[in-house]
Structure formats: structure tokens, C-alpha cells
């Protein structure tokens, strides 16, 4: 029970603690960010692939994500995922099989999530909000396969940042028209209710076509200002 309590980060929901405890928590969060920054400093420009952790090898979406990982690698991007099983593993596996760079930012959970074996670089993170910052910081675009609550959380975080111009209009592609049709209808209802703008629906491409998805990613990325070039490694930092 105590282990589950720590993994669930319940201390964050208990309201104010004493000042020393709050300071320690701040240092823990800072350490998580610094660990991620150091590990990911040399990964290069990334495309992040999201999706369910529950799909097994042989499933239609697993194999499509595996192919997507390979094809994204062949475009010259690093494949970045949440580092776990399912769609994440499939994308990392495809990248590694294509001799590309495969990176995962794994979240510590009391169930379901464990790092997959197809990673050149792996970072283990305790807090979801730190993990999401890292996933977005190093990405040029997002390809989203069918998934559950976590996938939707990451998808709408990306769309919110783009909508509010906190992040450039990076490409967001949803793979699986049948799976996402309910979400698209909901977005149309939101537009009719004027809770989003008409242009907001155009922030995402929904398709089953790999060629269309990759062409859209390339087209959008080409319009974006380049992120920082890779830095030289410094031996005295252990790089």
C-alpha cells in the first residue's frame, strides 16, 4: 500500500505541507527535469508517437505503429515515445529495425507500464507533467494511434498548446478513422457550440493512409523554424 501511495503521488493532492517538505518536493521535480534534459540533450529532432500501451505484437495497430516508427526514422527523425509497451514499443521497435534512433520517456506506474527493450535512450520519470514537458520539448510533430485516457491527455495537451500559441503549429496526425470518428464528431459539436473556433478542427489530420500522414508531417515541419542544432559533447559532464 505504501509503495502504491508513493507511485500515485498522493502527497501532491494533500494540500499544503510544511515549508521544508514543499522545498524537497520542488527539488525532486527539478531533479526529474534535469535528468531528462541531460539524457535527451543529444537525441536530435524528434517525432513523438502516442498510443495505447495495451496492444500486443500482431495486432493491426501494433504493426502499423511499427511500420510508422521505421518510416519516421527513414525521414531522418528520432522516434520518441512514452517508452512503454503497446504502440510505444511498436514505434520504438520499428525505429530500431530501421537503424534509426529510438528514445523513450518511461513513466513509473504501479501497473501496466514498463520500459520496452527497443530503446537507444531511456529516461524514467516519476511525474506525468514532467514527462509531458519532455515529450513536447524535443518534438517537431505528433502521430497518435488509438489509445485510452493517457493518449487523449497527451493529444489534447498538444492541441491546447498549439491552439493557444504556446507551441508552434506542429503537425498532429491521428491514425485510425474508425477509432477517432467519435472524437471528430465531438469536435464538430464543440465548433457548433462555439467552444472552439472553426479553424481549430484543422489543427489535426485524421487518416488511415501512411503516405498521407508522412507527407503532412513533412509539409508542416518544413514550415517550422528549426530547433537548435546538436551541441558538442563535453567530456567533463560525462557526455
Foldseek 3Di string as FASTA:
>chain_A
DVVQCVLVVCVVVPPDDDPVVVVVVVVLLVVLLVLLCVLCQFQAEAEEEAAAQPDDPPDPLLQVLLCLLQVVQVVVHEYEYQQFHDSLLSSLNSQVVNVGAYEHEHEDHPDRGDGDPSHPTYHYGRDPVSVLCSVVVRYQAYEYEYYDDVSVVSLVVVLVCCLVVVDPLRAYEYADCVRCVVVLVVVVVCCVVVVDPPCSSVSYHYYNDSVVSVVRNVVRSVPDDDDDDRDDDDVVVVD
